Amino acid sequence: MPKTKATQEPTVDKIKLADGQEYEMARLTANMMAEVEERFDKSWEEITKPPMRKRPLIMVLWLRLKPNYPDLTEEQVGDLNIEDLLGGD
């Protein structure tokens, strides 16, 4: 039986930080989105409207990394290689 979207294995998003290591990110949850909204006092739609500002982007990435890497700081995430996010080499 073919897999439907609901039964397919979720893809794992990865990101490379300035330390050269690849990190696996957790899926984005409504709680993460609400935390970002509360910090910046704006709706998710306002925050993520292109072009997205850097601080909210760093926070979203940090929140997605935090479940797998609880010792990773938001500042360390801010040192990521932005080209990886943009599809560069």
C-alpha atoms as a PDB file:
ATOM      1  CA  MET A   1       0.000   0.000   0.000  1.00  0.00           C
ATOM      2  CA  PRO A   2       1.464   3.423  -0.957  1.00  0.00           C
ATOM      3  CA  LYS A   3       2.114   5.887   1.817  1.00  0.00           C
ATOM      4  CA  THR A   4      -0.074   8.959   2.040  1.00  0.00           C
ATOM      5  CA  LYS A   5       1.092  12.296   3.391  1.00  0.00           C
ATOM      6  CA  ALA A   6      -0.328  11.375   6.790  1.00  0.00           C
ATOM      7  CA  THR A   7       1.635   8.105   6.957  1.00  0.00           C
ATOM      8  CA  GLN A   8       4.914   9.208   5.392  1.00  0.00           C
ATOM      9  CA  GLU A   9       7.987   9.527   7.548  1.00  0.00           C
ATOM     10  CA  PRO A  10       8.540  13.191   8.409  1.00  0.00           C
ATOM     11  CA  THR A  11      11.546  14.793   6.813  1.00  0.00           C
ATOM     12  CA  VAL A  12      14.312  15.912   9.122  1.00  0.00           C
ATOM     13  CA  ASP A  13      15.433  19.500   8.728  1.00  0.00           C
ATOM     14  CA  LYS A  14      19.122  20.076   9.383  1.00  0.00           C
ATOM     15  CA  ILE A  15      21.216  23.201   9.745  1.00  0.00           C
ATOM     16  CA  LYS A  16      24.946  23.811   9.900  1.00  0.00           C
ATOM     17  CA  LEU A  17      26.242  26.208  12.541  1.00  0.00           C
ATOM     18  CA  ALA A  18      29.517  28.119  12.560  1.00  0.00           C
ATOM     19  CA  ASP A  19      31.191  25.224  14.405  1.00  0.00           C
ATOM     20  CA  GLY A  20      30.859  23.194  11.181  1.00  0.00           C
ATOM     21  CA  GLN A  21      28.485  20.630  12.695  1.00  0.00           C
ATOM     22  CA  GLU A  22      25.076  19.726  11.319  1.00  0.00           C
ATOM     23  CA  TYR A  23      22.180  19.844  13.751  1.00  0.00           C
ATOM     24  CA  GLU A  24      18.738  18.227  13.453  1.00  0.00           C
ATOM     25  CA  MET A  25      15.811  20.543  14.063  1.00  0.00           C
ATOM     26  CA  ALA A  26      12.525  19.545  15.691  1.00  0.00           C
ATOM     27  CA  ARG A  27       9.334  20.278  13.812  1.00  0.00           C
ATOM     28  CA  LEU A  28       7.828  23.717  14.349  1.00  0.00           C
ATOM     29  CA  THR A  29       4.980  23.616  16.846  1.00  0.00           C
ATOM     30  CA  ALA A  30       2.169  26.006  17.726  1.00  0.00           C
ATOM     31  CA  ASN A  31       3.793  26.533  21.136  1.00  0.00           C
ATOM     32  CA  MET A  32       7.021  27.643  19.458  1.00  0.00           C
ATOM     33  CA  MET A  33       5.100  30.030  17.235  1.00  0.00           C
ATOM     34  CA  ALA A  34       3.253  31.459  20.245  1.00  0.00           C
ATOM     35  CA  GLU A  35       6.544  31.984  22.098  1.00  0.00           C
ATOM     36  CA  VAL A  36       7.898  33.997  19.153  1.00  0.00           C
ATOM     37  CA  GLU A  37       4.672  36.024  18.943  1.00  0.00           C
ATOM     38  CA  GLU A  38       4.856  36.834  22.649  1.00  0.00           C
ATOM     39  CA  ARG A  39       8.483  37.954  22.544  1.00  0.00           C
ATOM     40  CA  PHE A  40       8.017  40.246  19.547  1.00  0.00           C
ATOM     41  CA  ASP A  41       4.420  41.258  20.351  1.00  0.00           C
ATOM     42  CA  LYS A  42       3.283  40.601  16.761  1.00  0.00           C
ATOM     43  CA  SER A  43       1.259  37.928  15.006  1.00  0.00           C
ATOM     44  CA  TRP A  44       3.084  34.991  13.420  1.00  0.00           C
ATOM     45  CA  GLU A  45       2.021  36.280   9.999  1.00  0.00           C
ATOM     46  CA  GLU A  46       3.561  39.710  10.662  1.00  0.00           C
ATOM     47  CA  ILE A  47       6.786  38.165  11.956  1.00  0.00           C
ATOM     48  CA  THR A  48       7.279  35.735   9.079  1.00  0.00           C
ATOM     49  CA  LYS A  49       6.258  38.085   6.278  1.00  0.00           C
ATOM     50  CA  PRO A  50       9.183  38.425   3.836  1.00  0.00           C
ATOM     51  CA  PRO A  51      11.724  39.702   4.325  1.00  0.00           C
ATOM     52  CA  MET A  52      11.871  38.091   7.771  1.00  0.00           C
ATOM     53  CA  ARG A  53      13.940  40.020  10.315  1.00  0.00           C
ATOM     54  CA  LYS A  54      17.026  38.301  11.753  1.00  0.00           C
ATOM     55  CA  ARG A  55      16.119  38.169  15.473  1.00  0.00           C
ATOM     56  CA  PRO A  56      12.836  36.301  14.960  1.00  0.00           C
ATOM     57  CA  LEU A  57      14.563  33.941  12.511  1.00  0.00           C
ATOM     58  CA  ILE A  58      17.290  33.179  15.062  1.00  0.00           C
ATOM     59  CA  MET A  59      14.672  32.559  17.747  1.00  0.00           C
ATOM     60  CA  VAL A  60      12.658  30.186  15.531  1.00  0.00           C
ATOM     61  CA  LEU A  61      15.777  28.209  14.671  1.00  0.00           C
ATOM     62  CA  TRP A  62      16.825  28.103  18.336  1.00  0.00           C
ATOM     63  CA  LEU A  63      13.388  26.896  19.435  1.00  0.00           C
ATOM     64  CA  ARG A  64      13.531  24.136  16.808  1.00  0.00           C
ATOM     65  CA  LEU A  65      17.028  23.082  17.927  1.00  0.00           C
ATOM     66  CA  LYS A  66      16.423  23.315  21.687  1.00  0.00           C
ATOM     67  CA  PRO A  67      14.554  19.973  22.071  1.00  0.00           C
ATOM     68  CA  ASN A  68      17.511  18.038  20.627  1.00  0.00           C
ATOM     69  CA  TYR A  69      20.316  20.270  21.955  1.00  0.00           C
ATOM     70  CA  PRO A  70      19.208  21.787  25.277  1.00  0.00           C
ATOM     71  CA  ASP A  71      22.663  23.309  25.973  1.00  0.00           C
ATOM     72  CA  LEU A  72      22.747  25.236  22.676  1.00  0.00           C
ATOM     73  CA  THR A  73      22.239  28.962  23.223  1.00  0.00           C
ATOM     74  CA  GLU A  74      20.302  31.422  21.107  1.00  0.00           C
ATOM     75  CA  GLU A  75      23.571  33.326  20.624  1.00  0.00           C
ATOM     76  CA  GLN A  76      25.268  30.227  19.168  1.00  0.00           C
ATOM     77  CA  VAL A  77      22.393  29.794  16.743  1.00  0.00           C
ATOM     78  CA  GLY A  78      22.897  33.414  15.694  1.00  0.00           C
ATOM     79  CA  ASP A  79      26.357  32.417  14.484  1.00  0.00           C
ATOM     80  CA  LEU A  80      24.929  29.993  11.894  1.00  0.00           C
ATOM     81  CA  ASN A  81      26.023  29.985   8.287  1.00  0.00           C
ATOM     82  CA  ILE A  82      23.124  31.865   6.674  1.00  0.00           C
ATOM     83  CA  GLU A  83      24.060  30.528   3.219  1.00  0.00           C
ATOM     84  CA  ASP A  84      22.807  27.111   4.314  1.00  0.00           C
ATOM     85  CA  LEU A  85      19.353  28.596   4.851  1.00  0.00           C
ATOM     86  CA  LEU A  86      19.429  30.306   1.480  1.00  0.00           C
ATOM     87  CA  GLY A  87      20.579  27.215  -0.399  1.00  0.00           C
ATOM     88  CA  GLY A  88      24.168  28.389  -0.988  1.00  0.00           C
ATOM     89  CA  ASP A  89      27.326  26.350  -0.812  1.00  0.00           C
END
